[in-house]
Amino acid sequence: MHQISVTALKEKMEAGENIHLIDVREPHEHEEFNIGGLLIPMEDIMTRAEEIPKDKPVIFYCRKGIRSGIAIQRLHQKFGFTNLFNLKGGMDAWRKEFEKEA
């Protein structure tokens, strides 16, 4: 499975790279804190696969990187996606890395 670090993702976002973000957490988690990704909760990911681009990198994230990793594995197995990346450490890692800057 492809992974991306929070620092590498932030660099891509700041550079305006053509990437797509998907948050697989629950709505209340997304409302509490997110980095702008499309919310597709884990339980809905397989029925909403048509919303996931196949023509550019798609970064999945959750709280720690576990649910997003499972979602990627399922999508790869069932639909053959090869452009999906897991945000290593998820939102916990993002907050740990970047909230110290605030």
N, C-alpha and C. Protein backbone atom coordinates (compact mmCIF):
# COMPACT_ATOMS: atom_id res chain seq x y z
N MET A 1 0.84 -1.18 0.00
CA MET A 1 0.00 0.00 0.00
C MET A 1 0.88 1.24 0.00
N HIS A 2 0.51 2.21 -0.82
CA HIS A 2 1.23 3.48 -0.86
C HIS A 2 0.89 4.28 0.40
N GLN A 3 1.91 4.94 0.95
CA GLN A 3 1.69 5.80 2.11
C GLN A 3 2.31 7.16 1.82
N ILE A 4 1.80 8.16 2.50
CA ILE A 4 2.36 9.50 2.40
C ILE A 4 2.44 10.09 3.80
N SER A 5 3.52 10.79 4.08
CA SER A 5 3.67 11.40 5.40
C SER A 5 2.87 12.71 5.45
N VAL A 6 2.59 13.16 6.66
CA VAL A 6 1.84 14.41 6.80
C VAL A 6 2.64 15.59 6.23
N THR A 7 3.96 15.59 6.39
CA THR A 7 4.75 16.70 5.85
C THR A 7 4.74 16.69 4.32
N ALA A 8 4.84 15.50 3.72
CA ALA A 8 4.81 15.42 2.26
C ALA A 8 3.44 15.85 1.73
N LEU A 9 2.37 15.47 2.42
CA LEU A 9 1.04 15.88 1.99
C LEU A 9 0.87 17.38 2.10
N LYS A 10 1.31 17.96 3.18
CA LYS A 10 1.18 19.41 3.35
C LYS A 10 1.94 20.15 2.25
N GLU A 11 3.13 19.66 1.91
CA GLU A 11 3.90 20.27 0.83
C GLU A 11 3.13 20.22 -0.50
N LYS A 12 2.51 19.07 -0.79
CA LYS A 12 1.73 18.93 -2.02
C LYS A 12 0.53 19.87 -2.02
N MET A 13 -0.13 19.99 -0.88
CA MET A 13 -1.28 20.89 -0.77
C MET A 13 -0.86 22.34 -0.98
N GLU A 14 0.23 22.73 -0.34
CA GLU A 14 0.71 24.12 -0.44
C GLU A 14 1.21 24.44 -1.85
N ALA A 15 1.71 23.41 -2.55
CA ALA A 15 2.19 23.61 -3.92
C ALA A 15 1.04 23.60 -4.93
N GLY A 16 -0.16 23.30 -4.45
CA GLY A 16 -1.32 23.29 -5.34
C GLY A 16 -1.36 22.09 -6.27
N GLU A 17 -0.73 20.99 -5.86
CA GLU A 17 -0.74 19.79 -6.70
C GLU A 17 -2.15 19.24 -6.85
N ASN A 18 -2.40 18.58 -7.96
CA ASN A 18 -3.71 18.04 -8.27
C ASN A 18 -3.90 16.70 -7.55
N ILE A 19 -4.33 16.80 -6.30
CA ILE A 19 -4.59 15.61 -5.48
C ILE A 19 -6.02 15.70 -4.97
N HIS A 20 -6.52 14.58 -4.49
CA HIS A 20 -7.88 14.51 -3.95
C HIS A 20 -7.78 13.91 -2.56
N LEU A 21 -8.49 14.50 -1.60
CA LEU A 21 -8.48 14.02 -0.22
C LEU A 21 -9.80 13.39 0.13
N ILE A 22 -9.76 12.24 0.80
CA ILE A 22 -10.97 11.58 1.28
C ILE A 22 -10.81 11.22 2.75
N ASP A 23 -11.77 11.68 3.53
CA ASP A 23 -11.82 11.44 4.97
C ASP A 23 -12.79 10.29 5.21
N VAL A 24 -12.32 9.18 5.78
CA VAL A 24 -13.19 8.02 6.00
C VAL A 24 -13.68 7.94 7.45
N ARG A 25 -13.50 9.02 8.21
CA ARG A 25 -13.97 9.02 9.59
C ARG A 25 -15.48 9.24 9.63
N GLU A 26 -16.01 9.28 10.83
CA GLU A 26 -17.43 9.55 11.04
C GLU A 26 -17.69 11.05 10.94
N PRO A 27 -18.93 11.44 10.62
CA PRO A 27 -19.24 12.88 10.47
C PRO A 27 -18.84 13.74 11.67
N HIS A 28 -19.04 13.25 12.89
CA HIS A 28 -18.68 14.07 14.05
C HIS A 28 -17.17 14.28 14.15
N GLU A 29 -16.38 13.31 13.71
CA GLU A 29 -14.93 13.47 13.71
C GLU A 29 -14.51 14.50 12.66
N HIS A 30 -15.15 14.43 11.51
CA HIS A 30 -14.86 15.35 10.40
C HIS A 30 -15.20 16.79 10.81
N GLU A 31 -16.34 16.96 11.48
CA GLU A 31 -16.76 18.30 11.91
C GLU A 31 -15.80 18.88 12.94
N GLU A 32 -15.26 18.01 13.79
CA GLU A 32 -14.36 18.47 14.85
C GLU A 32 -13.05 19.02 14.27
N PHE A 33 -12.50 18.33 13.27
CA PHE A 33 -11.23 18.74 12.67
C PHE A 33 -11.04 18.00 11.36
N ASN A 34 -10.76 18.74 10.29
CA ASN A 34 -10.44 18.09 9.02
C ASN A 34 -9.53 18.99 8.20
N ILE A 35 -8.98 18.43 7.15
CA ILE A 35 -8.05 19.18 6.30
C ILE A 35 -8.64 19.43 4.91
N GLY A 36 -9.95 19.36 4.83
CA GLY A 36 -10.62 19.71 3.59
C GLY A 36 -11.00 18.55 2.69
N GLY A 37 -10.86 17.35 3.17
CA GLY A 37 -11.19 16.19 2.35
C GLY A 37 -12.68 15.94 2.24
N LEU A 38 -13.06 15.23 1.21
CA LEU A 38 -14.44 14.79 1.02
C LEU A 38 -14.74 13.73 2.06
N LEU A 39 -15.83 13.89 2.79
CA LEU A 39 -16.21 12.91 3.82
C LEU A 39 -16.97 11.76 3.18
N ILE A 40 -16.37 10.58 3.23
CA ILE A 40 -17.04 9.33 2.86
C ILE A 40 -16.75 8.36 4.00
N PRO A 41 -17.67 8.26 4.98
CA PRO A 41 -17.40 7.37 6.11
C PRO A 41 -17.06 5.95 5.67
N MET A 42 -16.24 5.30 6.47
CA MET A 42 -15.77 3.94 6.18
C MET A 42 -16.90 3.01 5.75
N GLU A 43 -18.02 3.07 6.44
CA GLU A 43 -19.13 2.15 6.13
C GLU A 43 -19.75 2.41 4.76
N ASP A 44 -19.51 3.60 4.19
CA ASP A 44 -20.10 3.96 2.89
C ASP A 44 -19.13 3.85 1.72
N ILE A 45 -17.87 3.59 2.00
CA ILE A 45 -16.82 3.69 0.98
C ILE A 45 -17.06 2.79 -0.23
N MET A 46 -17.52 1.58 -0.03
CA MET A 46 -17.70 0.66 -1.15
C MET A 46 -18.88 1.04 -2.04
N THR A 47 -19.90 1.64 -1.45
CA THR A 47 -21.07 2.04 -2.24
C THR A 47 -20.89 3.40 -2.89
N ARG A 48 -19.84 4.11 -2.51
CA ARG A 48 -19.59 5.43 -3.10
C ARG A 48 -18.28 5.47 -3.89
N ALA A 49 -17.80 4.31 -4.31
CA ALA A 49 -16.51 4.22 -5.01
C ALA A 49 -16.48 5.06 -6.28
N GLU A 50 -17.64 5.27 -6.91
CA GLU A 50 -17.67 6.06 -8.15
C GLU A 50 -17.29 7.52 -7.91
N GLU A 51 -17.30 7.97 -6.66
CA GLU A 51 -16.92 9.34 -6.34
C GLU A 51 -15.41 9.52 -6.22
N ILE A 52 -14.67 8.42 -6.29
CA ILE A 52 -13.22 8.47 -6.11
C ILE A 52 -12.53 8.54 -7.47
N PRO A 53 -11.77 9.61 -7.72
CA PRO A 53 -11.08 9.74 -9.00
C PRO A 53 -10.07 8.62 -9.22
N LYS A 54 -9.91 8.22 -10.47
CA LYS A 54 -8.90 7.22 -10.81
C LYS A 54 -7.73 7.85 -11.58
N ASP A 55 -7.86 9.13 -11.91
CA ASP A 55 -6.89 9.79 -12.78
C ASP A 55 -5.92 10.72 -12.05
N LYS A 56 -5.91 10.69 -10.72
CA LYS A 56 -4.96 11.51 -9.96
C LYS A 56 -4.77 10.87 -8.59
N PRO A 57 -3.71 11.26 -7.88
CA PRO A 57 -3.49 10.70 -6.55
C PRO A 57 -4.64 11.04 -5.60
N VAL A 58 -5.08 10.03 -4.85
CA VAL A 58 -6.13 10.22 -3.86
C VAL A 58 -5.57 9.81 -2.50
N ILE A 59 -5.59 10.76 -1.57
CA ILE A 59 -5.06 10.50 -0.24
C ILE A 59 -6.23 10.27 0.71
N PHE A 60 -6.22 9.11 1.35
CA PHE A 60 -7.24 8.75 2.33
C PHE A 60 -6.70 9.03 3.72
N TYR A 61 -7.57 9.53 4.59
CA TYR A 61 -7.15 9.72 5.97
C TYR A 61 -8.26 9.41 6.95
N CYS A 62 -7.84 9.09 8.17
CA CYS A 62 -8.75 8.86 9.29
C CYS A 62 -8.03 9.39 10.53
N ARG A 63 -8.35 8.87 11.68
CA ARG A 63 -7.71 9.39 12.89
C ARG A 63 -6.26 8.94 13.02
N LYS A 64 -6.01 7.64 12.79
CA LYS A 64 -4.65 7.10 12.98
C LYS A 64 -4.06 6.46 11.73
N GLY A 65 -4.86 6.28 10.69
CA GLY A 65 -4.38 5.64 9.47
C GLY A 65 -4.79 4.19 9.34
N ILE A 66 -5.58 3.69 10.29
CA ILE A 66 -6.00 2.28 10.24
C ILE A 66 -7.23 2.11 9.35
N ARG A 67 -8.28 2.87 9.63
CA ARG A 67 -9.50 2.77 8.81
C ARG A 67 -9.22 3.13 7.35
N SER A 68 -8.43 4.16 7.15
CA SER A 68 -8.12 4.56 5.77
C SER A 68 -7.34 3.47 5.05
N GLY A 69 -6.46 2.79 5.75
CA GLY A 69 -5.71 1.68 5.15
C GLY A 69 -6.63 0.53 4.76
N ILE A 70 -7.58 0.23 5.62
CA ILE A 70 -8.55 -0.83 5.32
C ILE A 70 -9.39 -0.44 4.10
N ALA A 71 -9.83 0.80 4.06
CA ALA A 71 -10.63 1.28 2.93
C ALA A 71 -9.86 1.14 1.62
N ILE A 72 -8.59 1.51 1.64
CA ILE A 72 -7.74 1.40 0.44
C ILE A 72 -7.62 -0.05 0.00
N GLN A 73 -7.37 -0.94 0.96
CA GLN A 73 -7.25 -2.36 0.61
C GLN A 73 -8.52 -2.88 -0.04
N ARG A 74 -9.66 -2.54 0.53
CA ARG A 74 -10.95 -3.00 -0.02
C ARG A 74 -11.19 -2.45 -1.41
N LEU A 75 -10.91 -1.17 -1.61
CA LEU A 75 -11.12 -0.56 -2.93
C LEU A 75 -10.18 -1.16 -3.97
N HIS A 76 -8.94 -1.41 -3.57
CA HIS A 76 -7.98 -2.01 -4.49
C HIS A 76 -8.43 -3.42 -4.89
N GLN A 77 -8.84 -4.20 -3.91
CA GLN A 77 -9.25 -5.58 -4.19
C GLN A 77 -10.50 -5.65 -5.06
N LYS A 78 -11.49 -4.83 -4.77
CA LYS A 78 -12.77 -4.93 -5.48
C LYS A 78 -12.79 -4.16 -6.80
N PHE A 79 -12.15 -2.99 -6.82
CA PHE A 79 -12.25 -2.11 -7.98
C PHE A 79 -10.93 -1.89 -8.72
N GLY A 80 -9.83 -2.38 -8.18
CA GLY A 80 -8.54 -2.26 -8.85
C GLY A 80 -7.88 -0.90 -8.79
N PHE A 81 -8.26 -0.06 -7.85
CA PHE A 81 -7.62 1.25 -7.71
C PHE A 81 -6.12 1.08 -7.47
N THR A 82 -5.31 1.90 -8.14
CA THR A 82 -3.86 1.87 -7.94
C THR A 82 -3.30 3.24 -7.57
N ASN A 83 -4.16 4.24 -7.44
CA ASN A 83 -3.73 5.61 -7.20
C ASN A 83 -4.07 6.12 -5.80
N LEU A 84 -4.25 5.18 -4.85
CA LEU A 84 -4.67 5.55 -3.51
C LEU A 84 -3.49 5.54 -2.53
N PHE A 85 -3.45 6.54 -1.68
CA PHE A 85 -2.39 6.69 -0.69
C PHE A 85 -3.00 6.83 0.69
N ASN A 86 -2.36 6.20 1.67
CA ASN A 86 -2.80 6.29 3.05
C ASN A 86 -1.97 7.35 3.77
N LEU A 87 -2.65 8.27 4.46
CA LEU A 87 -1.94 9.28 5.23
C LEU A 87 -1.39 8.62 6.50
N LYS A 88 -0.09 8.48 6.55
CA LYS A 88 0.57 7.79 7.65
C LYS A 88 0.33 8.53 8.97
N GLY A 89 -0.29 7.82 9.91
CA GLY A 89 -0.57 8.41 11.22
C GLY A 89 -1.85 9.20 11.29
N GLY A 90 -2.48 9.45 10.16
CA GLY A 90 -3.77 10.12 10.11
C GLY A 90 -3.79 11.52 10.72
N MET A 91 -4.99 11.91 11.17
CA MET A 91 -5.17 13.25 11.73
C MET A 91 -4.42 13.43 13.05
N ASP A 92 -4.20 12.34 13.77
CA ASP A 92 -3.39 12.45 14.99
C ASP A 92 -1.99 12.93 14.66
N ALA A 93 -1.38 12.36 13.62
CA ALA A 93 -0.03 12.77 13.21
C ALA A 93 -0.04 14.19 12.66
N TRP A 94 -1.08 14.55 11.91
CA TRP A 94 -1.19 15.90 11.35
C TRP A 94 -1.22 16.93 12.48
N ARG A 95 -2.08 16.68 13.45
CA ARG A 95 -2.20 17.64 14.55
C ARG A 95 -0.91 17.71 15.37
N LYS A 96 -0.30 16.58 15.61
CA LYS A 96 0.96 16.55 16.37
C LYS A 96 2.04 17.35 15.65
N GLU A 97 2.10 17.19 14.33
CA GLU A 97 3.14 17.86 13.54
C GLU A 97 2.88 19.36 13.36
N PHE A 98 1.63 19.73 13.09
CA PHE A 98 1.37 21.10 12.66
C PHE A 98 0.69 21.99 13.69
N GLU A 99 0.07 21.44 14.71
CA GLU A 99 -0.56 22.32 15.70
C GLU A 99 0.48 22.98 16.60
N LYS A 100 1.68 22.43 16.62
CA LYS A 100 2.74 23.08 17.38
C LYS A 100 3.18 24.38 16.71
N GLU A 101 2.85 24.50 15.39
CA GLU A 101 3.22 25.71 14.64
C GLU A 101 2.24 26.85 14.93
N ALA A 102 1.02 26.51 15.31
CA ALA A 102 -0.03 27.51 15.45
C ALA A 102 0.19 28.42 16.64
